[in-house]
């Protein structure tokens, strides 16, 4: 997916309660939003790099370390940044919070209400 500066995109995980609520809140707003469900689609390396660079985070910082997949497959493993980026690329559902890409800026939604702060 190519991110264009005029697009509004919500990356979320429909298998996660926070993701479900955030999407519902987003759909209740008057804004047109392109939604990308990370439980079915993975992000490209380029998109992940844009998100991480914009947020000033590492790939590992963006992961939900409480997720069962992380606990069973990744806990205790050490990778360099490129390795963690590849893990996120193949397992985008591990992203901890929904992410809004709006007009060239990136925002994390740690609560469903954050979507309103970021859409306005």
PDB file of N, CA and C in Angstrom:
ATOM      1  N   UNK A   1       0.840  -1.171   0.000  1.00  0.00           N
ATOM      2  CA  UNK A   1       0.000   0.000   0.000  1.00  0.00           C
ATOM      3  C   UNK A   1       0.886   1.234   0.000  1.00  0.00           C
ATOM      4  N   UNK A   2       0.592   2.141  -0.895  1.00  0.00           N
ATOM      5  CA  UNK A   2       1.343   3.389  -0.956  1.00  0.00           C
ATOM      6  C   UNK A   2       0.626   4.428  -0.109  1.00  0.00           C
ATOM      7  N   UNK A   3       1.371   5.068   0.769  1.00  0.00           N
ATOM      8  CA  UNK A   3       0.795   6.102   1.623  1.00  0.00           C
ATOM      9  C   UNK A   3       0.951   7.453   0.940  1.00  0.00           C
ATOM     10  N   UNK A   4      -0.165   8.062   0.629  1.00  0.00           N
ATOM     11  CA  UNK A   4      -0.173   9.378   0.006  1.00  0.00           C
ATOM     12  C   UNK A   4      -0.506  10.387   1.087  1.00  0.00           C
ATOM     13  N   UNK A   5       0.138  11.539   1.047  1.00  0.00           N
ATOM     14  CA  UNK A   5      -0.004  12.497   2.146  1.00  0.00           C
ATOM     15  C   UNK A   5      -1.437  12.973   2.356  1.00  0.00           C
ATOM     16  N   UNK A   6      -2.311  12.837   1.351  1.00  0.00           N
ATOM     17  CA  UNK A   6      -3.692  13.286   1.537  1.00  0.00           C
ATOM     18  C   UNK A   6      -4.598  12.172   2.067  1.00  0.00           C
ATOM     19  N   UNK A   7      -4.093  10.940   2.109  1.00  0.00           N
ATOM     20  CA  UNK A   7      -4.894   9.809   2.583  1.00  0.00           C
ATOM     21  C   UNK A   7      -4.998   9.786   4.104  1.00  0.00           C
ATOM     22  N   UNK A   8      -6.119   9.287   4.584  1.00  0.00           N
ATOM     23  CA  UNK A   8      -6.315   9.005   6.004  1.00  0.00           C
ATOM     24  C   UNK A   8      -6.472   7.498   6.107  1.00  0.00           C
ATOM     25  N   UNK A   9      -5.560   6.854   6.805  1.00  0.00           N
ATOM     26  CA  UNK A   9      -5.561   5.397   6.888  1.00  0.00           C
ATOM     27  C   UNK A   9      -5.526   4.978   8.352  1.00  0.00           C
ATOM     28  N   UNK A  10      -6.357   3.994   8.688  1.00  0.00           N
ATOM     29  CA  UNK A  10      -6.330   3.387  10.018  1.00  0.00           C
ATOM     30  C   UNK A  10      -5.824   1.962   9.866  1.00  0.00           C
ATOM     31  N   UNK A  11      -4.699   1.661  10.489  1.00  0.00           N
ATOM     32  CA  UNK A  11      -4.182   0.298  10.574  1.00  0.00           C
ATOM     33  C   UNK A  11      -4.617  -0.237  11.934  1.00  0.00           C
ATOM     34  N   UNK A  12      -5.331  -1.346  11.940  1.00  0.00           N
ATOM     35  CA  UNK A  12      -5.853  -1.886  13.194  1.00  0.00           C
ATOM     36  C   UNK A  12      -5.920  -3.406  13.099  1.00  0.00           C
ATOM     37  N   UNK A  13      -6.124  -4.062  14.233  1.00  0.00           N
ATOM     38  CA  UNK A  13      -6.267  -5.512  14.290  1.00  0.00           C
ATOM     39  C   UNK A  13      -7.687  -5.825  14.741  1.00  0.00           C
ATOM     40  N   UNK A  14      -8.479  -6.427  13.864  1.00  0.00           N
ATOM     41  CA  UNK A  14      -9.880  -6.727  14.186  1.00  0.00           C
ATOM     42  C   UNK A  14     -10.014  -7.838  15.223  1.00  0.00           C
ATOM     43  N   UNK A  15      -8.931  -8.549  15.514  1.00  0.00           N
ATOM     44  CA  UNK A  15      -8.970  -9.608  16.519  1.00  0.00           C
ATOM     45  C   UNK A  15      -8.712  -9.073  17.926  1.00  0.00           C
ATOM     46  N   UNK A  16      -8.391  -7.796  18.015  1.00  0.00           N
ATOM     47  CA  UNK A  16      -8.066  -7.154  19.282  1.00  0.00           C
ATOM     48  C   UNK A  16      -9.198  -6.197  19.677  1.00  0.00           C
ATOM     49  N   UNK A  17      -9.667  -6.241  20.931  1.00  0.00           N
ATOM     50  CA  UNK A  17     -10.763  -5.345  21.338  1.00  0.00           C
ATOM     51  C   UNK A  17     -10.460  -3.864  21.104  1.00  0.00           C
ATOM     52  N   UNK A  18      -9.232  -3.447  21.351  1.00  0.00           N
ATOM     53  CA  UNK A  18      -8.866  -2.048  21.116  1.00  0.00           C
ATOM     54  C   UNK A  18      -8.994  -1.702  19.634  1.00  0.00           C
ATOM     55  N   UNK A  19      -8.553  -2.599  18.775  1.00  0.00           N
ATOM     56  CA  UNK A  19      -8.664  -2.376  17.335  1.00  0.00           C
ATOM     57  C   UNK A  19     -10.109  -2.295  16.882  1.00  0.00           C
ATOM     58  N   UNK A  20     -10.941  -3.212  17.386  1.00  0.00           N
ATOM     59  CA  UNK A  20     -12.366  -3.203  17.025  1.00  0.00           C
ATOM     60  C   UNK A  20     -13.038  -1.905  17.439  1.00  0.00           C
ATOM     61  N   UNK A  21     -12.799  -1.481  18.671  1.00  0.00           N
ATOM     62  CA  UNK A  21     -13.428  -0.251  19.168  1.00  0.00           C
ATOM     63  C   UNK A  21     -12.925   0.973  18.418  1.00  0.00           C
ATOM     64  N   UNK A  22     -11.633   1.011  18.152  1.00  0.00           N
ATOM     65  CA  UNK A  22     -11.066   2.160  17.447  1.00  0.00           C
ATOM     66  C   UNK A  22     -11.658   2.264  16.048  1.00  0.00           C
ATOM     67  N   UNK A  23     -11.805   1.139  15.364  1.00  0.00           N
ATOM     68  CA  UNK A  23     -12.414   1.176  14.027  1.00  0.00           C
ATOM     69  C   UNK A  23     -13.862   1.638  14.121  1.00  0.00           C
ATOM     70  N   UNK A  24     -14.605   1.129  15.091  1.00  0.00           N
ATOM     71  CA  UNK A  24     -16.004   1.541  15.248  1.00  0.00           C
ATOM     72  C   UNK A  24     -16.100   3.042  15.503  1.00  0.00           C
ATOM     73  N   UNK A  25     -15.250   3.558  16.354  1.00  0.00           N
ATOM     74  CA  UNK A  25     -15.238   5.000  16.621  1.00  0.00           C
ATOM     75  C   UNK A  25     -14.906   5.765  15.344  1.00  0.00           C
ATOM     76  N   UNK A  26     -13.937   5.270  14.590  1.00  0.00           N
ATOM     77  CA  UNK A  26     -13.533   5.942  13.347  1.00  0.00           C
ATOM     78  C   UNK A  26     -14.684   5.963  12.350  1.00  0.00           C
ATOM     79  N   UNK A  27     -15.407   4.845  12.255  1.00  0.00           N
ATOM     80  CA  UNK A  27     -16.527   4.776  11.317  1.00  0.00           C
ATOM     81  C   UNK A  27     -17.688   5.657  11.748  1.00  0.00           C
ATOM     82  N   UNK A  28     -17.765   5.974  13.036  1.00  0.00           N
ATOM     83  CA  UNK A  28     -18.848   6.843  13.506  1.00  0.00           C
ATOM     84  C   UNK A  28     -18.556   8.320  13.227  1.00  0.00           C
ATOM     85  N   UNK A  29     -17.332   8.624  12.850  1.00  0.00           N
ATOM     86  CA  UNK A  29     -16.982  10.015  12.544  1.00  0.00           C
ATOM     87  C   UNK A  29     -17.409  10.329  11.113  1.00  0.00           C
ATOM     88  N   UNK A  30     -17.367  11.582  10.775  1.00  0.00           N
ATOM     89  CA  UNK A  30     -17.759  12.000   9.426  1.00  0.00           C
ATOM     90  C   UNK A  30     -16.599  11.915   8.437  1.00  0.00           C
ATOM     91  N   UNK A  31     -15.428  11.507   8.901  1.00  0.00           N
ATOM     92  CA  UNK A  31     -14.251  11.437   8.036  1.00  0.00           C
ATOM     93  C   UNK A  31     -14.250  10.149   7.218  1.00  0.00           C
ATOM     94  N   UNK A  32     -13.803  10.266   5.986  1.00  0.00           N
ATOM     95  CA  UNK A  32     -13.602   9.072   5.164  1.00  0.00           C
ATOM     96  C   UNK A  32     -12.226   8.525   5.497  1.00  0.00           C
ATOM     97  N   UNK A  33     -12.198   7.268   5.825  1.00  0.00           N
ATOM     98  CA  UNK A  33     -10.977   6.643   6.295  1.00  0.00           C
ATOM     99  C   UNK A  33     -10.778   5.323   5.570  1.00  0.00           C
ATOM    100  N   UNK A  34      -9.586   5.080   5.096  1.00  0.00           N
ATOM    101  CA  UNK A  34      -9.220   3.798   4.524  1.00  0.00           C
ATOM    102  C   UNK A  34      -8.778   2.927   5.696  1.00  0.00           C
ATOM    103  N   UNK A  35      -9.436   1.800   5.924  1.00  0.00           N
ATOM    104  CA  UNK A  35      -9.068   0.932   7.041  1.00  0.00           C
ATOM    105  C   UNK A  35      -8.324  -0.296   6.518  1.00  0.00           C
ATOM    106  N   UNK A  36      -7.271  -0.657   7.219  1.00  0.00           N
ATOM    107  CA  UNK A  36      -6.461  -1.820   6.878  1.00  0.00           C
ATOM    108  C   UNK A  36      -6.389  -2.734   8.095  1.00  0.00           C
ATOM    109  N   UNK A  37      -6.996  -3.908   7.980  1.00  0.00           N
ATOM    110  CA  UNK A  37      -7.029  -4.866   9.079  1.00  0.00           C
ATOM    111  C   UNK A  37      -5.737  -5.681   9.090  1.00  0.00           C
ATOM    112  N   UNK A  38      -4.939  -5.489  10.121  1.00  0.00           N
ATOM    113  CA  UNK A  38      -3.637  -6.147  10.211  1.00  0.00           C
ATOM    114  C   UNK A  38      -3.733  -7.629  10.563  1.00  0.00           C
ATOM    115  N   UNK A  39      -4.923  -8.119  10.881  1.00  0.00           N
ATOM    116  CA  UNK A  39      -5.052  -9.555  11.122  1.00  0.00           C
ATOM    117  C   UNK A  39      -5.151 -10.313   9.794  1.00  0.00           C
ATOM    118  N   UNK A  40      -5.374  -9.580   8.690  1.00  0.00           N
ATOM    119  CA  UNK A  40      -5.464 -10.206   7.369  1.00  0.00           C
ATOM    120  C   UNK A  40      -4.414  -9.715   6.383  1.00  0.00           C
ATOM    121  N   UNK A  41      -3.868  -8.536   6.610  1.00  0.00           N
ATOM    122  CA  UNK A  41      -2.900  -7.952   5.675  1.00  0.00           C
ATOM    123  C   UNK A  41      -1.659  -7.513   6.435  1.00  0.00           C
ATOM    124  N   UNK A  42      -0.518  -7.795   5.863  1.00  0.00           N
ATOM    125  CA  UNK A  42       0.738  -7.371   6.476  1.00  0.00           C
ATOM    126  C   UNK A  42       1.214  -6.068   5.855  1.00  0.00           C
ATOM    127  N   UNK A  43       1.957  -5.316   6.614  1.00  0.00           N
ATOM    128  CA  UNK A  43       2.509  -4.057   6.134  1.00  0.00           C
ATOM    129  C   UNK A  43       3.832  -4.306   5.418  1.00  0.00           C
ATOM    130  N   UNK A  44       4.132  -3.482   4.449  1.00  0.00           N
ATOM    131  CA  UNK A  44       5.413  -3.590   3.745  1.00  0.00           C
ATOM    132  C   UNK A  44       6.525  -3.020   4.618  1.00  0.00           C
ATOM    133  N   UNK A  45       7.752  -3.356   4.272  1.00  0.00           N
ATOM    134  CA  UNK A  45       8.902  -2.809   5.002  1.00  0.00           C
ATOM    135  C   UNK A  45       8.922  -1.293   4.918  1.00  0.00           C
ATOM    136  N   UNK A  46       8.601  -0.762   3.747  1.00  0.00           N
ATOM    137  CA  UNK A  46       8.609   0.686   3.555  1.00  0.00           C
ATOM    138  C   UNK A  46       7.570   1.362   4.443  1.00  0.00           C
ATOM    139  N   UNK A  47       6.354   0.820   4.467  1.00  0.00           N
ATOM    140  CA  UNK A  47       5.299   1.395   5.308  1.00  0.00           C
ATOM    141  C   UNK A  47       5.691   1.316   6.774  1.00  0.00           C
ATOM    142  N   UNK A  48       6.238   0.187   7.190  1.00  0.00           N
ATOM    143  CA  UNK A  48       6.682   0.047   8.578  1.00  0.00           C
ATOM    144  C   UNK A  48       7.774   1.051   8.918  1.00  0.00           C
ATOM    145  N   UNK A  49       8.709   1.252   8.014  1.00  0.00           N
ATOM    146  CA  UNK A  49       9.789   2.220   8.268  1.00  0.00           C
ATOM    147  C   UNK A  49       9.238   3.641   8.401  1.00  0.00           C
ATOM    148  N   UNK A  50       8.278   3.997   7.543  1.00  0.00           N
ATOM    149  CA  UNK A  50       7.656   5.327   7.629  1.00  0.00           C
ATOM    150  C   UNK A  50       6.991   5.494   8.991  1.00  0.00           C
ATOM    151  N   UNK A  51       6.241   4.471   9.413  1.00  0.00           N
ATOM    152  CA  UNK A  51       5.549   4.523  10.707  1.00  0.00           C
ATOM    153  C   UNK A  51       6.556   4.641  11.849  1.00  0.00           C
ATOM    154  N   UNK A  52       7.552   3.772  11.863  1.00  0.00           N
ATOM    155  CA  UNK A  52       8.534   3.767  12.949  1.00  0.00           C
ATOM    156  C   UNK A  52       9.338   5.060  12.997  1.00  0.00           C
ATOM    157  N   UNK A  53       9.762   5.541  11.840  1.00  0.00           N
ATOM    158  CA  UNK A  53      10.527   6.793  11.800  1.00  0.00           C
ATOM    159  C   UNK A  53       9.679   7.962  12.282  1.00  0.00           C
ATOM    160  N   UNK A  54       8.421   8.001  11.864  1.00  0.00           N
ATOM    161  CA  UNK A  54       7.532   9.095  12.271  1.00  0.00           C
ATOM    162  C   UNK A  54       7.264   9.087  13.767  1.00  0.00           C
ATOM    163  N   UNK A  55       7.165   7.893  14.337  1.00  0.00           N
ATOM    164  CA  UNK A  55       6.881   7.774  15.771  1.00  0.00           C
ATOM    165  C   UNK A  55       8.147   7.800  16.623  1.00  0.00           C
ATOM    166  N   UNK A  56       9.294   7.640  15.994  1.00  0.00           N
ATOM    167  CA  UNK A  56      10.548   7.596  16.740  1.00  0.00           C
ATOM    168  C   UNK A  56      10.672   6.342  17.586  1.00  0.00           C
ATOM    169  N   UNK A  57      10.128   5.233  17.081  1.00  0.00           N
ATOM    170  CA  UNK A  57      10.145   3.966  17.815  1.00  0.00           C
ATOM    171  C   UNK A  57      10.950   2.921  17.062  1.00  0.00           C
ATOM    172  N   UNK A  58      11.373   1.906  17.792  1.00  0.00           N
ATOM    173  CA  UNK A  58      11.976   0.739  17.151  1.00  0.00           C
ATOM    174  C   UNK A  58      10.857  -0.261  16.862  1.00  0.00           C
ATOM    175  N   UNK A  59      11.145  -1.223  16.001  1.00  0.00           N
ATOM    176  CA  UNK A  59      10.146  -2.239  15.661  1.00  0.00           C
ATOM    177  C   UNK A  59       9.708  -3.006  16.910  1.00  0.00           C
ATOM    178  N   UNK A  60      10.647  -3.335  17.773  1.00  0.00           N
ATOM    179  CA  UNK A  60      10.312  -4.087  18.986  1.00  0.00           C
ATOM    180  C   UNK A  60       9.428  -3.264  19.923  1.00  0.00           C
ATOM    181  N   UNK A  61       9.644  -1.939  19.966  1.00  0.00           N
ATOM    182  CA  UNK A  61       8.818  -1.067  20.810  1.00  0.00           C
ATOM    183  C   UNK A  61       7.353  -1.082  20.395  1.00  0.00           C
ATOM    184  N   UNK A  62       7.102  -1.323  19.108  1.00  0.00           N
ATOM    185  CA  UNK A  62       5.740  -1.272  18.579  1.00  0.00           C
ATOM    186  C   UNK A  62       4.981  -2.586  18.783  1.00  0.00           C
ATOM    187  N   UNK A  63       5.687  -3.624  19.230  1.00  0.00           N
ATOM    188  CA  UNK A  63       5.067  -4.947  19.367  1.00  0.00           C
ATOM    189  C   UNK A  63       4.292  -5.110  20.663  1.00  0.00           C
ATOM    190  N   UNK A  64       3.208  -5.876  20.559  1.00  0.00           N
ATOM    191  CA  UNK A  64       2.423  -6.256  21.726  1.00  0.00           C
ATOM    192  C   UNK A  64       3.085  -7.490  22.339  1.00  0.00           C
ATOM    193  N   UNK A  65       3.869  -7.260  23.361  1.00  0.00           N
ATOM    194  CA  UNK A  65       4.628  -8.352  23.971  1.00  0.00           C
ATOM    195  C   UNK A  65       3.757  -9.277  24.819  1.00  0.00           C
ATOM    196  N   UNK A  66       2.511  -8.884  25.064  1.00  0.00           N
ATOM    197  CA  UNK A  66       1.582  -9.738  25.803  1.00  0.00           C
ATOM    198  C   UNK A  66       0.831 -10.691  24.868  1.00  0.00           C
ATOM    199  N   UNK A  67       0.942 -10.500  23.561  1.00  0.00           N
ATOM    200  CA  UNK A  67       0.240 -11.352  22.596  1.00  0.00           C
ATOM    201  C   UNK A  67       0.758 -12.791  22.717  1.00  0.00           C
ATOM    202  N   UNK A  68      -0.141 -13.783  22.668  1.00  0.00           N
ATOM    203  CA  UNK A  68       0.285 -15.184  22.797  1.00  0.00           C
ATOM    204  C   UNK A  68       1.359 -15.601  21.781  1.00  0.00           C
ATOM    205  N   UNK A  69       1.275 -15.105  20.554  1.00  0.00           N
ATOM    206  CA  UNK A  69       2.292 -15.447  19.552  1.00  0.00           C
ATOM    207  C   UNK A  69       3.662 -14.923  19.973  1.00  0.00           C
ATOM    208  N   UNK A  70       3.701 -13.703  20.449  1.00  0.00           N
ATOM    209  CA  UNK A  70       4.975 -13.142  20.910  1.00  0.00           C
ATOM    210  C   UNK A  70       5.510 -13.985  22.065  1.00  0.00           C
ATOM    211  N   UNK A  71       4.645 -14.296  23.018  1.00  0.00           N
ATOM    212  CA  UNK A  71       5.069 -15.049  24.199  1.00  0.00           C
ATOM    213  C   UNK A  71       5.606 -16.436  23.834  1.00  0.00           C
ATOM    214  N   UNK A  72       4.947 -17.102  22.892  1.00  0.00           N
ATOM    215  CA  UNK A  72       5.359 -18.471  22.568  1.00  0.00           C
ATOM    216  C   UNK A  72       6.490 -18.545  21.542  1.00  0.00           C
ATOM    217  N   UNK A  73       6.585 -17.582  20.647  1.00  0.00           N
ATOM    218  CA  UNK A  73       7.549 -17.675  19.555  1.00  0.00           C
ATOM    219  C   UNK A  73       8.723 -16.697  19.633  1.00  0.00           C
ATOM    220  N   UNK A  74       8.543 -15.568  20.313  1.00  0.00           N
ATOM    221  CA  UNK A  74       9.550 -14.510  20.231  1.00  0.00           C
ATOM    222  C   UNK A  74      10.172 -14.110  21.560  1.00  0.00           C
ATOM    223  N   UNK A  75       9.473 -14.359  22.639  1.00  0.00           N
ATOM    224  CA  UNK A  75       9.967 -13.941  23.954  1.00  0.00           C
ATOM    225  C   UNK A  75      11.362 -14.501  24.206  1.00  0.00           C
ATOM    226  N   UNK A  76      12.249 -13.631  24.638  1.00  0.00           N
ATOM    227  CA  UNK A  76      13.612 -14.035  24.953  1.00  0.00           C
ATOM    228  C   UNK A  76      14.559 -14.069  23.766  1.00  0.00           C
ATOM    229  N   UNK A  77      14.033 -13.886  22.563  1.00  0.00           N
ATOM    230  CA  UNK A  77      14.891 -13.895  21.378  1.00  0.00           C
ATOM    231  C   UNK A  77      15.470 -12.507  21.158  1.00  0.00           C
ATOM    232  N   UNK A  78      16.653 -12.486  20.606  1.00  0.00           N
ATOM    233  CA  UNK A  78      17.328 -11.214  20.314  1.00  0.00           C
ATOM    234  C   UNK A  78      17.549 -11.097  18.813  1.00  0.00           C
ATOM    235  N   UNK A  79      17.061 -10.020  18.255  1.00  0.00           N
ATOM    236  CA  UNK A  79      17.276  -9.698  16.844  1.00  0.00           C
ATOM    237  C   UNK A  79      17.784  -8.270  16.758  1.00  0.00           C
ATOM    238  N   UNK A  80      18.429  -7.950  15.656  1.00  0.00           N
ATOM    239  CA  UNK A  80      18.767  -6.548  15.412  1.00  0.00           C
ATOM    240  C   UNK A  80      17.505  -5.853  14.886  1.00  0.00           C
ATOM    241  N   UNK A  81      17.586  -4.559  14.645  1.00  0.00           N
ATOM    242  CA  UNK A  81      16.405  -3.800  14.213  1.00  0.00           C
ATOM    243  C   UNK A  81      15.811  -4.358  12.925  1.00  0.00           C
ATOM    244  N   UNK A  82      16.656  -4.752  11.999  1.00  0.00           N
ATOM    245  CA  UNK A  82      16.170  -5.317  10.735  1.00  0.00           C
ATOM    246  C   UNK A  82      15.422  -6.627  10.983  1.00  0.00           C
ATOM    247  N   UNK A  83      15.916  -7.432  11.916  1.00  0.00           N
ATOM    248  CA  UNK A  83      15.245  -8.682  12.267  1.00  0.00           C
ATOM    249  C   UNK A  83      13.869  -8.440  12.862  1.00  0.00           C
ATOM    250  N   UNK A  84      13.775  -7.487  13.800  1.00  0.00           N
ATOM    251  CA  UNK A  84      12.476  -7.162  14.399  1.00  0.00           C
ATOM    252  C   UNK A  84      11.531  -6.572  13.355  1.00  0.00           C
ATOM    253  N   UNK A  85      12.079  -5.792  12.430  1.00  0.00           N
ATOM    254  CA  UNK A  85      11.266  -5.235  11.351  1.00  0.00           C
ATOM    255  C   UNK A  85      10.679  -6.357  10.498  1.00  0.00           C
ATOM    256  N   UNK A  86      11.483  -7.371  10.203  1.00  0.00           N
ATOM    257  CA  UNK A  86      10.991  -8.516   9.433  1.00  0.00           C
ATOM    258  C   UNK A  86       9.929  -9.294  10.198  1.00  0.00           C
ATOM    259  N   UNK A  87      10.098  -9.419  11.508  1.00  0.00           N
ATOM    260  CA  UNK A  87       9.077 -10.088  12.326  1.00  0.00           C
ATOM    261  C   UNK A  87       7.758  -9.328  12.217  1.00  0.00           C
ATOM    262  N   UNK A  88       7.811  -8.002  12.353  1.00  0.00           N
ATOM    263  CA  UNK A  88       6.591  -7.191  12.245  1.00  0.00           C
ATOM    264  C   UNK A  88       6.001  -7.248  10.844  1.00  0.00           C
ATOM    265  N   UNK A  89       6.850  -7.267   9.848  1.00  0.00           N
ATOM    266  CA  UNK A  89       6.383  -7.322   8.460  1.00  0.00           C
ATOM    267  C   UNK A  89       5.571  -8.594   8.218  1.00  0.00           C
ATOM    268  N   UNK A  90       6.039  -9.710   8.744  1.00  0.00           N
ATOM    269  CA  UNK A  90       5.361 -10.992   8.542  1.00  0.00           C
ATOM    270  C   UNK A  90       4.220 -11.223   9.530  1.00  0.00           C
ATOM    271  N   UNK A  91       4.210 -10.471  10.628  1.00  0.00           N
ATOM    272  CA  UNK A  91       3.220 -10.658  11.696  1.00  0.00           C
ATOM    273  C   UNK A  91       2.684  -9.303  12.150  1.00  0.00           C
ATOM    274  N   UNK A  92       2.110  -8.560  11.213  1.00  0.00           N
ATOM    275  CA  UNK A  92       1.655  -7.194  11.517  1.00  0.00           C
ATOM    276  C   UNK A  92       0.594  -7.156  12.616  1.00  0.00           C
ATOM    277  N   UNK A  93      -0.072  -8.279  12.851  1.00  0.00           N
ATOM    278  CA  UNK A  93      -1.068  -8.344  13.926  1.00  0.00           C
ATOM    279  C   UNK A  93      -0.438  -8.111  15.300  1.00  0.00           C
ATOM    280  N   UNK A  94       0.888  -8.173  15.382  1.00  0.00           N
ATOM    281  CA  UNK A  94       1.581  -7.948  16.656  1.00  0.00           C
ATOM    282  C   UNK A  94       1.706  -6.471  17.022  1.00  0.00           C
ATOM    283  N   UNK A  95       1.332  -5.578  16.112  1.00  0.00           N
ATOM    284  CA  UNK A  95       1.423  -4.148  16.420  1.00  0.00           C
ATOM    285  C   UNK A  95       0.490  -3.844  17.583  1.00  0.00           C
ATOM    286  N   UNK A  96       1.051  -3.197  18.589  1.00  0.00           N
ATOM    287  CA  UNK A  96       0.389  -2.994  19.877  1.00  0.00           C
ATOM    288  C   UNK A  96      -0.878  -2.144  19.812  1.00  0.00           C
ATOM    289  N   UNK A  97      -0.839  -1.052  19.067  1.00  0.00           N
ATOM    290  CA  UNK A  97      -1.958  -0.108  19.031  1.00  0.00           C
ATOM    291  C   UNK A  97      -2.378   0.181  17.598  1.00  0.00           C
ATOM    292  N   UNK A  98      -3.647   0.517  17.395  1.00  0.00           N
ATOM    293  CA  UNK A  98      -4.054   1.010  16.075  1.00  0.00           C
ATOM    294  C   UNK A  98      -3.237   2.258  15.721  1.00  0.00           C
ATOM    295  N   UNK A  99      -3.020   2.423  14.441  1.00  0.00           N
ATOM    296  CA  UNK A  99      -2.204   3.531  13.941  1.00  0.00           C
ATOM    297  C   UNK A  99      -3.006   4.315  12.917  1.00  0.00           C
ATOM    298  N   UNK A 100      -2.979   5.626  13.038  1.00  0.00           N
ATOM    299  CA  UNK A 100      -3.620   6.500  12.057  1.00  0.00           C
ATOM    300  C   UNK A 100      -2.528   7.204  11.262  1.00  0.00           C
ATOM    301  N   UNK A 101      -2.658   7.123   9.954  1.00  0.00           N
ATOM    302  CA  UNK A 101      -1.795   7.892   9.059  1.00  0.00           C
ATOM    303  C   UNK A 101      -2.674   8.990   8.484  1.00  0.00           C
ATOM    304  N   UNK A 102      -2.334  10.226   8.789  1.00  0.00           N
ATOM    305  CA  UNK A 102      -3.170  11.349   8.366  1.00  0.00           C
ATOM    306  C   UNK A 102      -2.301  12.470   7.818  1.00  0.00           C
ATOM    307  N   UNK A 103      -2.510  12.780   6.554  1.00  0.00           N
ATOM    308  CA  UNK A 103      -1.833  13.914   5.924  1.00  0.00           C
ATOM    309  C   UNK A 103      -0.330  13.925   6.200  1.00  0.00           C
ATOM    310  N   UNK A 104       0.291  12.765   6.016  1.00  0.00           N
ATOM    311  CA  UNK A 104       1.732  12.674   6.188  1.00  0.00           C
ATOM    312  C   UNK A 104       2.213  12.505   7.612  1.00  0.00           C
ATOM    313  N   UNK A 105       1.310  12.443   8.572  1.00  0.00           N
ATOM    314  CA  UNK A 105       1.682  12.268   9.981  1.00  0.00           C
ATOM    315  C   UNK A 105       1.165  10.920  10.465  1.00  0.00           C
ATOM    316  N   UNK A 106       1.818  10.396  11.497  1.00  0.00           N
ATOM    317  CA  UNK A 106       1.462   9.089  12.046  1.00  0.00           C
ATOM    318  C   UNK A 106       1.148   9.241  13.525  1.00  0.00           C
ATOM    319  N   UNK A 107       0.047   8.599  13.959  1.00  0.00           N
ATOM    320  CA  UNK A 107      -0.389   8.684  15.355  1.00  0.00           C
ATOM    321  C   UNK A 107      -0.742   7.294  15.870  1.00  0.00           C
ATOM    322  N   UNK A 108      -0.379   7.017  17.118  1.00  0.00           N
ATOM    323  CA  UNK A 108      -0.818   5.796  17.798  1.00  0.00           C
ATOM    324  C   UNK A 108      -2.121   6.081  18.525  1.00  0.00           C
ATOM    325  N   UNK A 109      -3.004   5.100  18.539  1.00  0.00           N
ATOM    326  CA  UNK A 109      -4.264   5.216  19.276  1.00  0.00           C
ATOM    327  C   UNK A 109      -4.218   4.229  20.438  1.00  0.00           C
ATOM    328  N   UNK A 110      -3.758   4.682  21.590  1.00  0.00           N
ATOM    329  CA  UNK A 110      -3.662   3.785  22.745  1.00  0.00           C
ATOM    330  C   UNK A 110      -5.016   3.585  23.411  1.00  0.00           C
ATOM    331  N   UNK A 111      -5.991   4.442  23.088  1.00  0.00           N
ATOM    332  CA  UNK A 111      -7.383   4.251  23.508  1.00  0.00           C
ATOM    333  C   UNK A 111      -8.262   4.523  22.290  1.00  0.00           C
ATOM    334  N   UNK A 112      -9.473   3.966  22.237  1.00  0.00           N
ATOM    335  CA  UNK A 112     -10.353   4.241  21.097  1.00  0.00           C
ATOM    336  C   UNK A 112     -10.644   5.733  20.911  1.00  0.00           C
ATOM    337  N   UNK A 113     -10.724   6.479  22.010  1.00  0.00           N
ATOM    338  CA  UNK A 113     -10.995   7.919  21.911  1.00  0.00           C
ATOM    339  C   UNK A 113      -9.881   8.684  21.210  1.00  0.00           C
ATOM    340  N   UNK A 114      -8.681   8.128  21.190  1.00  0.00           N
ATOM    341  CA  UNK A 114      -7.566   8.803  20.516  1.00  0.00           C
ATOM    342  C   UNK A 114      -7.846   9.032  19.038  1.00  0.00           C
ATOM    343  N   UNK A 115      -8.713   8.210  18.455  1.00  0.00           N
ATOM    344  CA  UNK A 115      -9.032   8.379  17.039  1.00  0.00           C
ATOM    345  C   UNK A 115      -9.645   9.751  16.792  1.00  0.00           C
ATOM    346  N   UNK A 116     -10.448  10.241  17.744  1.00  0.00           N
ATOM    347  CA  UNK A 116     -11.073  11.553  17.564  1.00  0.00           C
ATOM    348  C   UNK A 116     -10.050  12.673  17.672  1.00  0.00           C
ATOM    349  N   UNK A 117      -9.091  12.523  18.559  1.00  0.00           N
ATOM    350  CA  UNK A 117      -8.025  13.526  18.675  1.00  0.00           C
ATOM    351  C   UNK A 117      -7.233  13.608  17.377  1.00  0.00           C
ATOM    352  N   UNK A 118      -7.017  12.459  16.768  1.00  0.00           N
ATOM    353  CA  UNK A 118      -6.176  12.401  15.581  1.00  0.00           C
ATOM    354  C   UNK A 118      -6.915  12.729  14.292  1.00  0.00           C
ATOM    355  N   UNK A 119      -8.229  12.557  14.272  1.00  0.00           N
ATOM    356  CA  UNK A 119      -8.984  12.851  13.061  1.00  0.00           C
ATOM    357  C   UNK A 119      -9.332  14.321  12.943  1.00  0.00           C
ATOM    358  N   UNK A 120      -9.305  15.031  14.036  1.00  0.00           N
ATOM    359  CA  UNK A 120      -9.670  16.455  13.997  1.00  0.00           C
ATOM    360  C   UNK A 120      -8.467  17.329  13.743  1.00  0.00           C
TER     361      UNK A 120
END
